Amino acid sequence: MSAPVRLLTLALLVPAACGRTPQEGHADFDLHHTRQAGGQAVARWSGDAVTAEELSQRFEEMSPALRERYTDARARREYVESVARFELLVRDALARGLQDDPEVVEATKRALVNRLMRAQLEEASVQVTDAELEAAYAARRDDFVRPEAVRLSHVFLAAPRPDAARVADARKRAEALLARAKALPEGDFAGFGTLARENSEEPRTAPLDGDLRFLSDDALAHTYGAEVATAARALTTEGALSGVVQTDAGLHLLKLRARRPALNLTLDDVREELRVRLEGEKRSRAWAAYLARVEKGLSLSVDTEVLAKVPLDVAAPMKKPSGPLPGTVPAP
C-alpha cells in the first residue's frame, strides 16, 4: 500500500477496493477533506483541497457578525490556512498509526453512537394526536388545576378538648413555646424546627421539624381541623406566627413557610407543553424498542454467574487507568 493511500485511511481500504466488506468490528473511513470532485481549489495539498465553493458555503453558514471578520483578505487567508493545517495534522496522525490508539478508537466509537442515537431519535415517529393530548391532560390534570395551598410548620401538643385539665396544662406549655418562637427572627425556620422536633407530640411531623408540606385549605381542615385552616388564612407573610390554636385533638403553634397560588390551566394553555412531553415519551419508547432489536440481532447475553465473581473491592486504592473507559448506554 502506498504512503498517500495509507495517509487517507483510518482502516484497511484494500478489502473495500476488492469488493469485500470489512471484517466484523472493523470500519473503513474516507478522511478526504473534499468528498466531491470538481470545484476551484483555494488551497491544495497532496491529493486534497479546500475549494472556493466550499468556502462560499461556509461563509453563508456563519453569522453576519462573524462573516464580517473575513472581509479582510488577511483574516480570510488565515481561516483557509487553519482549515488546511487541520487536515495536514490528520494526515500526519494517520501516518504515525494513531488511528489504532485506544483513545482514538474509543472517541470514534462514542461519536458513532452519538450520531446513531440522534439519527434514531430523529427518525422515530412522534406524531401526537388530539385524542392523546386530551388523554394526557386528563391523566395529569392535578398538575394543571389545583387550589391555593399553604405550607406550614407547627408544634402540636396533644390535649383532647373534653379533658379540661390536660388542655390547661398543654396551654401553659404552648404559651411558653409561643414566647420562645416569638423571640426568634421571623425567617428563622430552623429555630422553629428545633422547637417542633424537641416538643411537638405529633410523631409524623416532629422529625420533619414540624413541616406540614403544601396543603390546600380543605386538606388542612380535614387533616388538622377547621381552626387550623382558619388560622392559616390569617397568616399573610412568610415567617408569621399564629397564636395558640385549639382543635379537638390538641393545641397548635403555626408558622407560615410559603403560599402556592391556585392553578387553573386549560388544555389549550398546556397543549404545546404536553405535545413536547408526549413526543419525548414516544422517542424514548422508540429508542428502547430499537435497542431491543439490536440486542436480539447481535445475540447479546450476560453471564450473571461470571459477573458475580468479578472482584470488586470498594476499599482498594485507585490504580492508574490502563486506557479510556468504555462507552456505555443507559438501560431504557
C-alpha atoms as a PDB file:
ATOM      1  CA  MET A   1       0.000   0.000   0.000  1.00  0.00           C
ATOM      2  CA  SER A   2       1.458   3.378  -0.974  1.00  0.00           C
ATOM      3  CA  ALA A   3       2.073   6.097   1.576  1.00  0.00           C
ATOM      4  CA  PRO A   4      -0.529   8.541   0.114  1.00  0.00           C
ATOM      5  CA  VAL A   5      -3.225   5.859   0.280  1.00  0.00           C
ATOM      6  CA  ARG A   6      -2.216   4.950   3.819  1.00  0.00           C
ATOM      7  CA  LEU A   7      -2.473   8.574   4.814  1.00  0.00           C
ATOM      8  CA  LEU A   8      -6.068   8.775   3.640  1.00  0.00           C
ATOM      9  CA  THR A   9      -7.399   5.761   5.501  1.00  0.00           C
ATOM     10  CA  LEU A  10      -8.393   5.063   9.053  1.00  0.00           C
ATOM     11  CA  ALA A  11      -8.623   1.340   8.409  1.00  0.00           C
ATOM     12  CA  LEU A  12      -7.591  -1.011   5.589  1.00  0.00           C
ATOM     13  CA  LEU A  13      -9.103   0.078   2.289  1.00  0.00           C
ATOM     14  CA  VAL A  14      -7.788  -2.909   0.319  1.00  0.00           C
ATOM     15  CA  PRO A  15     -10.765  -5.166   1.174  1.00  0.00           C
ATOM     16  CA  ALA A  16     -13.182  -2.438   0.099  1.00  0.00           C
ATOM     17  CA  ALA A  17     -11.261  -1.907  -3.139  1.00  0.00           C
ATOM     18  CA  CYS A  18     -11.583  -5.618  -3.888  1.00  0.00           C
ATOM     19  CA  GLY A  19     -15.320  -5.537  -3.276  1.00  0.00           C
ATOM     20  CA  ARG A  20     -15.149  -7.269   0.100  1.00  0.00           C
ATOM     21  CA  THR A  21     -16.727  -5.903   3.249  1.00  0.00           C
ATOM     22  CA  PRO A  22     -14.509  -5.110   6.250  1.00  0.00           C
ATOM     23  CA  GLN A  23     -14.101  -7.693   8.983  1.00  0.00           C
ATOM     24  CA  GLU A  24     -16.637  -7.576  11.805  1.00  0.00           C
ATOM     25  CA  GLY A  25     -15.626  -4.886  14.264  1.00  0.00           C
ATOM     26  CA  HIS A  26     -13.541  -3.037  11.665  1.00  0.00           C
ATOM     27  CA  ALA A  27     -14.517   0.035   9.669  1.00  0.00           C
ATOM     28  CA  ASP A  28     -13.313   1.943   6.603  1.00  0.00           C
ATOM     29  CA  PHE A  29     -13.350   5.737   6.728  1.00  0.00           C
ATOM     30  CA  ASP A  30     -12.713   8.145   3.887  1.00  0.00           C
ATOM     31  CA  LEU A  31     -10.938  11.067   5.532  1.00  0.00           C
ATOM     32  CA  HIS A  32     -10.517  13.222   2.439  1.00  0.00           C
ATOM     33  CA  HIS A  33     -11.430  16.807   3.214  1.00  0.00           C
ATOM     34  CA  THR A  34     -13.152  17.277  -0.156  1.00  0.00           C
ATOM     35  CA  ARG A  35     -15.616  14.482  -0.896  1.00  0.00           C
ATOM     36  CA  GLN A  36     -16.889  15.743  -4.268  1.00  0.00           C
ATOM     37  CA  ALA A  37     -14.856  16.051  -7.441  1.00  0.00           C
ATOM     38  CA  GLY A  38     -14.510  19.383  -9.181  1.00  0.00           C
ATOM     39  CA  GLY A  39     -14.522  22.889  -7.839  1.00  0.00           C
ATOM     40  CA  GLN A  40     -11.887  25.573  -7.876  1.00  0.00           C
ATOM     41  CA  ALA A  41      -9.116  24.974  -5.350  1.00  0.00           C
ATOM     42  CA  VAL A  42      -8.290  27.799  -2.952  1.00  0.00           C
ATOM     43  CA  ALA A  43      -5.716  25.773  -1.018  1.00  0.00           C
ATOM     44  CA  ARG A  44      -4.114  22.479  -2.103  1.00  0.00           C
ATOM     45  CA  TRP A  45      -2.120  19.714  -0.501  1.00  0.00           C
ATOM     46  CA  SER A  46      -1.260  16.180  -1.540  1.00  0.00           C
ATOM     47  CA  GLY A  47      -4.426  14.706  -3.059  1.00  0.00           C
ATOM     48  CA  ASP A  48      -6.851  17.146  -1.448  1.00  0.00           C
ATOM     49  CA  ALA A  49      -8.002  20.773  -1.384  1.00  0.00           C
ATOM     50  CA  VAL A  50     -10.274  23.465   0.062  1.00  0.00           C
ATOM     51  CA  THR A  51     -12.469  24.708  -2.761  1.00  0.00           C
ATOM     52  CA  ALA A  52     -13.940  28.124  -3.409  1.00  0.00           C
ATOM     53  CA  GLU A  53     -17.404  26.529  -3.480  1.00  0.00           C
ATOM     54  CA  GLU A  54     -16.938  25.024  -0.021  1.00  0.00           C
ATOM     55  CA  LEU A  55     -15.559  28.268   1.335  1.00  0.00           C
ATOM     56  CA  SER A  56     -18.527  30.208  -0.011  1.00  0.00           C
ATOM     57  CA  GLN A  57     -20.908  27.794   1.669  1.00  0.00           C
ATOM     58  CA  ARG A  58     -19.031  28.073   4.987  1.00  0.00           C
ATOM     59  CA  PHE A  59     -19.255  31.865   4.875  1.00  0.00           C
ATOM     60  CA  GLU A  60     -23.007  31.672   4.208  1.00  0.00           C
ATOM     61  CA  GLU A  61     -23.409  29.446   7.283  1.00  0.00           C
ATOM     62  CA  MET A  62     -21.673  31.993   9.533  1.00  0.00           C
ATOM     63  CA  SER A  63     -23.470  34.701  11.464  1.00  0.00           C
ATOM     64  CA  PRO A  64     -23.309  38.156   9.812  1.00  0.00           C
ATOM     65  CA  ALA A  65     -21.076  39.396  12.639  1.00  0.00           C
ATOM     66  CA  LEU A  66     -18.553  36.574  12.152  1.00  0.00           C
ATOM     67  CA  ARG A  67     -18.777  36.836   8.372  1.00  0.00           C
ATOM     68  CA  GLU A  68     -17.790  40.495   8.537  1.00  0.00           C
ATOM     69  CA  ARG A  69     -14.483  39.460  10.074  1.00  0.00           C
ATOM     70  CA  TYR A  70     -13.446  37.717   6.876  1.00  0.00           C
ATOM     71  CA  THR A  71     -13.929  40.685   4.588  1.00  0.00           C
ATOM     72  CA  ASP A  72     -10.293  41.361   5.445  1.00  0.00           C
ATOM     73  CA  ALA A  73      -8.040  39.452   2.995  1.00  0.00           C
ATOM     74  CA  ARG A  74      -5.512  38.520   5.668  1.00  0.00           C
ATOM     75  CA  ALA A  75      -8.149  37.104   8.018  1.00  0.00           C
ATOM     76  CA  ARG A  76      -9.692  35.164   5.150  1.00  0.00           C
ATOM     77  CA  ARG A  77      -6.316  33.619   4.302  1.00  0.00           C
ATOM     78  CA  GLU A  78      -5.676  32.724   7.945  1.00  0.00           C
ATOM     79  CA  TYR A  79      -9.033  30.937   8.057  1.00  0.00           C
ATOM     80  CA  VAL A  80      -8.257  28.873   4.940  1.00  0.00           C
ATOM     81  CA  GLU A  81      -4.782  28.030   6.212  1.00  0.00           C
ATOM     82  CA  SER A  82      -6.240  26.953   9.550  1.00  0.00           C
ATOM     83  CA  VAL A  83      -8.632  24.547   7.808  1.00  0.00           C
ATOM     84  CA  ALA A  84      -5.808  23.154   5.694  1.00  0.00           C
ATOM     85  CA  ARG A  85      -3.435  22.766   8.645  1.00  0.00           C
ATOM     86  CA  PHE A  86      -6.055  20.770  10.495  1.00  0.00           C
ATOM     87  CA  GLU A  87      -6.278  18.347   7.573  1.00  0.00           C
ATOM     88  CA  LEU A  88      -2.477  18.115   7.348  1.00  0.00           C
ATOM     89  CA  LEU A  89      -2.347  17.133  11.017  1.00  0.00           C
ATOM     90  CA  VAL A  90      -4.930  14.431  10.356  1.00  0.00           C
ATOM     91  CA  ARG A  91      -2.664  13.114   7.622  1.00  0.00           C
ATOM     92  CA  ASP A  92       0.357  13.107   9.919  1.00  0.00           C
ATOM     93  CA  ALA A  93      -1.591  11.395  12.718  1.00  0.00           C
ATOM     94  CA  LEU A  94      -2.599   8.635  10.310  1.00  0.00           C
ATOM     95  CA  ALA A  95       0.979   8.319   9.080  1.00  0.00           C
ATOM     96  CA  ARG A  96       2.013   7.665  12.673  1.00  0.00           C
ATOM     97  CA  GLY A  97      -0.655   4.987  13.097  1.00  0.00           C
ATOM     98  CA  LEU A  98      -2.598   6.916  15.716  1.00  0.00           C
ATOM     99  CA  GLN A  99      -5.878   5.639  14.268  1.00  0.00           C
ATOM    100  CA  ASP A 100      -5.235   2.494  16.334  1.00  0.00           C
ATOM    101  CA  ASP A 101      -4.609   4.390  19.574  1.00  0.00           C
ATOM    102  CA  PRO A 102      -7.173   3.278  22.200  1.00  0.00           C
ATOM    103  CA  GLU A 103      -8.247   6.868  22.876  1.00  0.00           C
ATOM    104  CA  VAL A 104      -8.867   7.498  19.171  1.00  0.00           C
ATOM    105  CA  VAL A 105     -10.773   4.236  18.773  1.00  0.00           C
ATOM    106  CA  GLU A 106     -12.920   4.949  21.839  1.00  0.00           C
ATOM    107  CA  ALA A 107     -13.586   8.544  20.731  1.00  0.00           C
ATOM    108  CA  THR A 108     -14.624   7.252  17.299  1.00  0.00           C
ATOM    109  CA  LYS A 109     -16.981   4.736  18.883  1.00  0.00           C
ATOM    110  CA  ARG A 110     -18.558   7.436  21.026  1.00  0.00           C
ATOM    111  CA  ALA A 111     -19.002   9.719  18.029  1.00  0.00           C
ATOM    112  CA  LEU A 112     -20.622   6.901  16.053  1.00  0.00           C
ATOM    113  CA  VAL A 113     -23.020   6.018  18.857  1.00  0.00           C
ATOM    114  CA  ASN A 114     -23.940   9.668  19.472  1.00  0.00           C
ATOM    115  CA  ARG A 115     -24.677  10.141  15.777  1.00  0.00           C
ATOM    116  CA  LEU A 116     -26.666   6.907  15.688  1.00  0.00           C
ATOM    117  CA  MET A 117     -28.732   7.977  18.692  1.00  0.00           C
ATOM    118  CA  ARG A 118     -29.520  11.320  17.062  1.00  0.00           C
ATOM    119  CA  ALA A 119     -30.485   9.588  13.833  1.00  0.00           C
ATOM    120  CA  GLN A 120     -32.752   7.098  15.590  1.00  0.00           C
ATOM    121  CA  LEU A 121     -34.488   9.790  17.628  1.00  0.00           C
ATOM    122  CA  GLU A 122     -34.950  11.984  14.566  1.00  0.00           C
ATOM    123  CA  GLU A 123     -36.372   9.091  12.556  1.00  0.00           C
ATOM    124  CA  ALA A 124     -38.761   7.954  15.279  1.00  0.00           C
ATOM    125  CA  SER A 125     -42.437   8.538  14.535  1.00  0.00           C
ATOM    126  CA  VAL A 126     -43.604  11.048  17.127  1.00  0.00           C
ATOM    127  CA  GLN A 127     -46.952  12.226  15.817  1.00  0.00           C
ATOM    128  CA  VAL A 128     -49.192  13.221  18.733  1.00  0.00           C
ATOM    129  CA  THR A 129     -52.941  13.227  18.119  1.00  0.00           C
ATOM    130  CA  ASP A 130     -55.550  15.463  19.724  1.00  0.00           C
ATOM    131  CA  ALA A 131     -57.004  12.395  21.432  1.00  0.00           C
ATOM    132  CA  GLU A 132     -53.633  11.623  23.004  1.00  0.00           C
ATOM    133  CA  LEU A 133     -53.305  15.217  24.209  1.00  0.00           C
ATOM    134  CA  GLU A 134     -56.778  15.089  25.772  1.00  0.00           C
ATOM    135  CA  ALA A 135     -55.991  11.790  27.500  1.00  0.00           C
ATOM    136  CA  ALA A 136     -52.650  13.132  28.790  1.00  0.00           C
ATOM    137  CA  TYR A 137     -54.333  16.271  30.117  1.00  0.00           C
ATOM    138  CA  ALA A 138     -56.965  14.196  31.925  1.00  0.00           C
ATOM    139  CA  ALA A 139     -54.319  11.907  33.411  1.00  0.00           C
ATOM    140  CA  ARG A 140     -52.186  14.825  34.615  1.00  0.00           C
ATOM    141  CA  ARG A 141     -54.990  17.215  35.491  1.00  0.00           C
ATOM    142  CA  ASP A 142     -53.695  17.682  39.033  1.00  0.00           C
ATOM    143  CA  ASP A 143     -50.548  19.237  37.530  1.00  0.00           C
ATOM    144  CA  PHE A 144     -52.604  21.926  35.823  1.00  0.00           C
ATOM    145  CA  VAL A 145     -55.628  22.518  38.037  1.00  0.00           C
ATOM    146  CA  ARG A 146     -55.186  22.792  41.778  1.00  0.00           C
ATOM    147  CA  PRO A 147     -56.358  25.052  44.592  1.00  0.00           C
ATOM    148  CA  GLU A 148     -54.228  27.507  46.515  1.00  0.00           C
ATOM    149  CA  ALA A 149     -52.016  25.734  49.039  1.00  0.00           C
ATOM    150  CA  VAL A 150     -50.150  26.781  52.152  1.00  0.00           C
ATOM    151  CA  ARG A 151     -47.016  25.312  53.705  1.00  0.00           C
ATOM    152  CA  LEU A 152     -46.881  25.490  57.495  1.00  0.00           C
ATOM    153  CA  SER A 153     -44.619  24.307  60.250  1.00  0.00           C
ATOM    154  CA  HIS A 154     -46.302  23.529  63.559  1.00  0.00           C
ATOM    155  CA  VAL A 155     -45.736  22.456  67.116  1.00  0.00           C
ATOM    156  CA  PHE A 156     -48.531  20.194  68.317  1.00  0.00           C
ATOM    157  CA  LEU A 157     -49.375  19.373  71.925  1.00  0.00           C
ATOM    158  CA  ALA A 158     -51.895  16.561  72.348  1.00  0.00           C
ATOM    159  CA  ALA A 159     -54.838  17.619  74.545  1.00  0.00           C
ATOM    160  CA  PRO A 160     -58.325  16.300  73.680  1.00  0.00           C
ATOM    161  CA  ARG A 161     -60.887  19.080  74.116  1.00  0.00           C
ATOM    162  CA  PRO A 162     -63.084  17.204  76.682  1.00  0.00           C
ATOM    163  CA  ASP A 163     -60.084  16.770  79.022  1.00  0.00           C
ATOM    164  CA  ALA A 164     -60.058  20.231  80.625  1.00  0.00           C
ATOM    165  CA  ALA A 165     -57.112  19.535  82.941  1.00  0.00           C
ATOM    166  CA  ARG A 166     -54.954  18.249  80.153  1.00  0.00           C
ATOM    167  CA  VAL A 167     -55.937  21.208  77.931  1.00  0.00           C
ATOM    168  CA  ALA A 168     -54.997  23.649  80.684  1.00  0.00           C
ATOM    169  CA  ASP A 169     -51.580  22.051  81.164  1.00  0.00           C
ATOM    170  CA  ALA A 170     -50.966  21.933  77.413  1.00  0.00           C
ATOM    171  CA  ARG A 171     -51.934  25.595  77.041  1.00  0.00           C
ATOM    172  CA  LYS A 172     -49.332  26.657  79.625  1.00  0.00           C
ATOM    173  CA  ARG A 173     -46.672  24.763  77.719  1.00  0.00           C
ATOM    174  CA  ALA A 174     -47.929  26.118  74.384  1.00  0.00           C
ATOM    175  CA  GLU A 175     -47.795  29.730  75.625  1.00  0.00           C
ATOM    176  CA  ALA A 176     -44.228  29.194  76.811  1.00  0.00           C
ATOM    177  CA  LEU A 177     -43.257  27.728  73.433  1.00  0.00           C
ATOM    178  CA  LEU A 178     -45.009  30.591  71.645  1.00  0.00           C
ATOM    179  CA  ALA A 179     -42.922  33.084  73.631  1.00  0.00           C
ATOM    180  CA  ARG A 180     -39.768  31.241  72.582  1.00  0.00           C
ATOM    181  CA  ALA A 181     -40.932  31.192  68.959  1.00  0.00           C
ATOM    182  CA  LYS A 182     -41.639  34.959  69.016  1.00  0.00           C
ATOM    183  CA  ALA A 183     -38.106  35.567  70.283  1.00  0.00           C
ATOM    184  CA  LEU A 184     -36.736  34.018  67.091  1.00  0.00           C
ATOM    185  CA  PRO A 185     -36.201  36.112  63.936  1.00  0.00           C
ATOM    186  CA  GLU A 186     -39.200  35.868  61.636  1.00  0.00           C
ATOM    187  CA  GLY A 187     -37.233  33.986  58.984  1.00  0.00           C
ATOM    188  CA  ASP A 188     -35.602  31.532  61.379  1.00  0.00           C
ATOM    189  CA  PHE A 189     -37.348  28.369  60.242  1.00  0.00           C
ATOM    190  CA  ALA A 190     -34.515  26.218  61.574  1.00  0.00           C
ATOM    191  CA  GLY A 191     -35.015  27.593  65.074  1.00  0.00           C
ATOM    192  CA  PHE A 192     -38.747  26.951  64.930  1.00  0.00           C
ATOM    193  CA  GLY A 193     -37.976  23.496  63.535  1.00  0.00           C
ATOM    194  CA  THR A 194     -35.873  22.758  66.592  1.00  0.00           C
ATOM    195  CA  LEU A 195     -38.799  23.692  68.842  1.00  0.00           C
ATOM    196  CA  ALA A 196     -41.044  21.348  66.870  1.00  0.00           C
ATOM    197  CA  ARG A 197     -38.552  18.499  66.823  1.00  0.00           C
ATOM    198  CA  GLU A 198     -37.966  18.704  70.581  1.00  0.00           C
ATOM    199  CA  ASN A 199     -41.515  19.451  71.755  1.00  0.00           C
ATOM    200  CA  SER A 200     -44.144  18.502  69.171  1.00  0.00           C
ATOM    201  CA  GLU A 201     -46.249  15.481  70.066  1.00  0.00           C
ATOM    202  CA  GLU A 202     -47.216  14.547  66.501  1.00  0.00           C
ATOM    203  CA  PRO A 203     -44.830  11.680  65.623  1.00  0.00           C
ATOM    204  CA  ARG A 204     -45.320  12.078  61.877  1.00  0.00           C
ATOM    205  CA  THR A 205     -44.189  15.700  61.550  1.00  0.00           C
ATOM    206  CA  ALA A 206     -41.926  16.200  64.578  1.00  0.00           C
ATOM    207  CA  PRO A 207     -38.935  14.507  62.864  1.00  0.00           C
ATOM    208  CA  LEU A 208     -39.554  16.852  59.886  1.00  0.00           C
ATOM    209  CA  ASP A 209     -39.162  19.953  62.076  1.00  0.00           C
ATOM    210  CA  GLY A 210     -42.944  20.256  62.133  1.00  0.00           C
ATOM    211  CA  ASP A 211     -43.172  20.753  58.358  1.00  0.00           C
ATOM    212  CA  LEU A 212     -46.691  20.035  57.044  1.00  0.00           C
ATOM    213  CA  ARG A 213     -45.674  20.428  53.385  1.00  0.00           C
ATOM    214  CA  PHE A 214     -48.132  22.087  50.992  1.00  0.00           C
ATOM    215  CA  LEU A 215     -51.797  21.532  51.795  1.00  0.00           C
ATOM    216  CA  SER A 216     -54.947  23.115  50.390  1.00  0.00           C
ATOM    217  CA  ASP A 217     -57.414  24.814  52.721  1.00  0.00           C
ATOM    218  CA  ASP A 218     -59.742  21.798  52.538  1.00  0.00           C
ATOM    219  CA  ALA A 219     -56.913  19.318  53.153  1.00  0.00           C
ATOM    220  CA  LEU A 220     -55.658  21.346  56.097  1.00  0.00           C
ATOM    221  CA  ALA A 221     -59.115  21.478  57.660  1.00  0.00           C
ATOM    222  CA  HIS A 222     -59.728  17.762  57.050  1.00  0.00           C
ATOM    223  CA  THR A 223     -56.377  16.661  58.486  1.00  0.00           C
ATOM    224  CA  TYR A 224     -55.865  19.090  61.372  1.00  0.00           C
ATOM    225  CA  GLY A 225     -59.184  20.827  61.928  1.00  0.00           C
ATOM    226  CA  ALA A 226     -61.107  23.850  60.670  1.00  0.00           C
ATOM    227  CA  GLU A 227     -59.480  26.022  63.356  1.00  0.00           C
ATOM    228  CA  VAL A 228     -56.021  25.379  61.864  1.00  0.00           C
ATOM    229  CA  ALA A 229     -57.253  26.226  58.352  1.00  0.00           C
ATOM    230  CA  THR A 230     -58.826  29.457  59.628  1.00  0.00           C
ATOM    231  CA  ALA A 231     -55.653  30.452  61.492  1.00  0.00           C
ATOM    232  CA  ALA A 232     -53.544  29.680  58.420  1.00  0.00           C
ATOM    233  CA  ARG A 233     -55.630  32.010  56.252  1.00  0.00           C
ATOM    234  CA  ALA A 234     -54.851  34.850  58.658  1.00  0.00           C
ATOM    235  CA  LEU A 235     -51.078  34.420  58.181  1.00  0.00           C
ATOM    236  CA  THR A 236     -50.119  36.679  55.290  1.00  0.00           C
ATOM    237  CA  THR A 237     -46.323  36.996  55.394  1.00  0.00           C
ATOM    238  CA  GLU A 238     -43.701  34.258  55.328  1.00  0.00           C
ATOM    239  CA  GLY A 239     -42.423  33.551  58.823  1.00  0.00           C
ATOM    240  CA  ALA A 240     -45.582  34.878  60.523  1.00  0.00           C
ATOM    241  CA  LEU A 241     -46.688  33.096  63.702  1.00  0.00           C
ATOM    242  CA  SER A 242     -50.188  32.237  64.845  1.00  0.00           C
ATOM    243  CA  GLY A 243     -51.322  32.314  68.425  1.00  0.00           C
ATOM    244  CA  VAL A 244     -52.186  29.105  70.244  1.00  0.00           C
ATOM    245  CA  VAL A 245     -54.786  27.335  68.086  1.00  0.00           C
ATOM    246  CA  GLN A 246     -57.048  24.809  69.797  1.00  0.00           C
ATOM    247  CA  THR A 247     -58.649  21.901  67.936  1.00  0.00           C
ATOM    248  CA  ASP A 248     -60.482  18.811  69.115  1.00  0.00           C
ATOM    249  CA  ALA A 249     -57.175  16.926  69.197  1.00  0.00           C
ATOM    250  CA  GLY A 250     -54.968  19.475  70.930  1.00  0.00           C
ATOM    251  CA  LEU A 251     -53.088  22.761  70.597  1.00  0.00           C
ATOM    252  CA  HIS A 252     -51.069  24.044  67.639  1.00  0.00           C
ATOM    253  CA  LEU A 253     -48.492  26.766  67.087  1.00  0.00           C
ATOM    254  CA  LEU A 254     -48.286  27.604  63.373  1.00  0.00           C
ATOM    255  CA  LYS A 255     -45.549  29.283  61.358  1.00  0.00           C
ATOM    256  CA  LEU A 256     -46.136  30.188  57.714  1.00  0.00           C
ATOM    257  CA  ARG A 257     -43.393  28.942  55.388  1.00  0.00           C
ATOM    258  CA  ALA A 258     -44.885  29.690  51.969  1.00  0.00           C
ATOM    259  CA  ARG A 259     -48.041  30.044  49.906  1.00  0.00           C
ATOM    260  CA  ARG A 260     -48.589  28.471  46.497  1.00  0.00           C
ATOM    261  CA  PRO A 261     -51.146  30.201  44.273  1.00  0.00           C
ATOM    262  CA  ALA A 262     -54.039  28.361  42.714  1.00  0.00           C
ATOM    263  CA  LEU A 263     -53.581  26.966  39.215  1.00  0.00           C
ATOM    264  CA  ASN A 264     -56.280  26.649  36.557  1.00  0.00           C
ATOM    265  CA  LEU A 265     -54.726  25.837  33.180  1.00  0.00           C
ATOM    266  CA  THR A 266     -56.920  24.548  30.340  1.00  0.00           C
ATOM    267  CA  LEU A 267     -55.845  22.033  27.721  1.00  0.00           C
ATOM    268  CA  ASP A 268     -55.244  24.874  25.268  1.00  0.00           C
ATOM    269  CA  ASP A 269     -52.966  26.547  27.824  1.00  0.00           C
ATOM    270  CA  VAL A 270     -50.703  23.499  28.061  1.00  0.00           C
ATOM    271  CA  ARG A 271     -51.199  21.908  24.657  1.00  0.00           C
ATOM    272  CA  GLU A 272     -47.660  22.546  23.414  1.00  0.00           C
ATOM    273  CA  GLU A 273     -46.101  21.582  26.743  1.00  0.00           C
ATOM    274  CA  LEU A 274     -47.966  18.283  26.638  1.00  0.00           C
ATOM    275  CA  ARG A 275     -47.099  17.740  22.997  1.00  0.00           C
ATOM    276  CA  VAL A 276     -43.379  18.107  23.730  1.00  0.00           C
ATOM    277  CA  ARG A 277     -43.684  15.766  26.713  1.00  0.00           C
ATOM    278  CA  LEU A 278     -45.554  13.101  24.739  1.00  0.00           C
ATOM    279  CA  GLU A 279     -43.132  13.374  21.822  1.00  0.00           C
ATOM    280  CA  GLY A 280     -40.269  12.798  24.261  1.00  0.00           C
ATOM    281  CA  GLU A 281     -42.015   9.749  25.712  1.00  0.00           C
ATOM    282  CA  LYS A 282     -42.607   8.324  22.238  1.00  0.00           C
ATOM    283  CA  ARG A 283     -38.972   8.867  21.288  1.00  0.00           C
ATOM    284  CA  SER A 284     -37.883   7.103  24.476  1.00  0.00           C
ATOM    285  CA  ARG A 285     -40.116   4.120  23.703  1.00  0.00           C
ATOM    286  CA  ALA A 286     -38.852   4.012  20.115  1.00  0.00           C
ATOM    287  CA  TRP A 287     -35.250   4.066  21.352  1.00  0.00           C
ATOM    288  CA  ALA A 288     -35.962   1.237  23.809  1.00  0.00           C
ATOM    289  CA  ALA A 289     -37.534  -0.838  21.028  1.00  0.00           C
ATOM    290  CA  TYR A 290     -34.559  -0.151  18.748  1.00  0.00           C
ATOM    291  CA  LEU A 291     -32.098  -1.220  21.464  1.00  0.00           C
ATOM    292  CA  ALA A 292     -34.062  -4.432  21.987  1.00  0.00           C
ATOM    293  CA  ARG A 293     -33.862  -5.208  18.246  1.00  0.00           C
ATOM    294  CA  VAL A 294     -30.104  -4.576  18.168  1.00  0.00           C
ATOM    295  CA  GLU A 295     -29.524  -6.717  21.261  1.00  0.00           C
ATOM    296  CA  LYS A 296     -31.572  -9.559  19.775  1.00  0.00           C
ATOM    297  CA  GLY A 297     -29.969  -9.254  16.344  1.00  0.00           C
ATOM    298  CA  LEU A 298     -26.433  -9.414  17.751  1.00  0.00           C
ATOM    299  CA  SER A 299     -27.305 -12.052  20.392  1.00  0.00           C
ATOM    300  CA  LEU A 300     -26.455 -10.026  23.485  1.00  0.00           C
ATOM    301  CA  SER A 301     -26.260 -12.102  26.662  1.00  0.00           C
ATOM    302  CA  VAL A 302     -24.865 -11.555  30.147  1.00  0.00           C
ATOM    303  CA  ASP A 303     -23.445 -14.412  32.237  1.00  0.00           C
ATOM    304  CA  THR A 304     -24.603 -13.381  35.694  1.00  0.00           C
ATOM    305  CA  GLU A 305     -22.611 -16.141  37.408  1.00  0.00           C
ATOM    306  CA  VAL A 306     -19.331 -14.950  35.920  1.00  0.00           C
ATOM    307  CA  LEU A 307     -20.317 -11.327  36.534  1.00  0.00           C
ATOM    308  CA  ALA A 308     -20.928 -12.054  40.217  1.00  0.00           C
ATOM    309  CA  LYS A 309     -17.383 -13.450  40.564  1.00  0.00           C
ATOM    310  CA  VAL A 310     -15.642 -10.338  39.189  1.00  0.00           C
ATOM    311  CA  PRO A 311     -13.598  -8.871  42.103  1.00  0.00           C
ATOM    312  CA  LEU A 312     -14.838  -5.530  43.413  1.00  0.00           C
ATOM    313  CA  ASP A 313     -13.074  -4.092  46.457  1.00  0.00           C
ATOM    314  CA  VAL A 314     -14.556  -0.698  47.277  1.00  0.00           C
ATOM    315  CA  ALA A 315     -11.767  -0.027  49.800  1.00  0.00           C
ATOM    316  CA  ALA A 316      -8.888  -0.701  47.399  1.00  0.00           C
ATOM    317  CA  PRO A 317      -6.812   2.310  46.279  1.00  0.00           C
ATOM    318  CA  MET A 318      -7.448   3.618  42.783  1.00  0.00           C
ATOM    319  CA  LYS A 319      -4.965   2.460  40.129  1.00  0.00           C
ATOM    320  CA  LYS A 320      -3.716   4.447  37.181  1.00  0.00           C
ATOM    321  CA  PRO A 321      -6.152   3.981  34.251  1.00  0.00           C
ATOM    322  CA  SER A 322      -4.926   1.412  31.725  1.00  0.00           C
ATOM    323  CA  GLY A 323      -6.925   3.060  28.948  1.00  0.00           C
ATOM    324  CA  PRO A 324     -10.093   5.043  28.255  1.00  0.00           C
ATOM    325  CA  LEU A 325     -13.260   3.858  29.965  1.00  0.00           C
ATOM    326  CA  PRO A 326     -15.648   2.008  27.648  1.00  0.00           C
ATOM    327  CA  GLY A 327     -18.671   3.855  26.359  1.00  0.00           C
ATOM    328  CA  THR A 328     -21.994   2.964  27.938  1.00  0.00           C
ATOM    329  CA  VAL A 329     -25.656   3.418  27.101  1.00  0.00           C
ATOM    330  CA  PRO A 330     -28.179   3.565  29.990  1.00  0.00           C
ATOM    331  CA  ALA A 331     -30.782   0.837  30.072  1.00  0.00           C
ATOM    332  CA  PRO A 332     -34.101   2.041  28.560  1.00  0.00           C
END
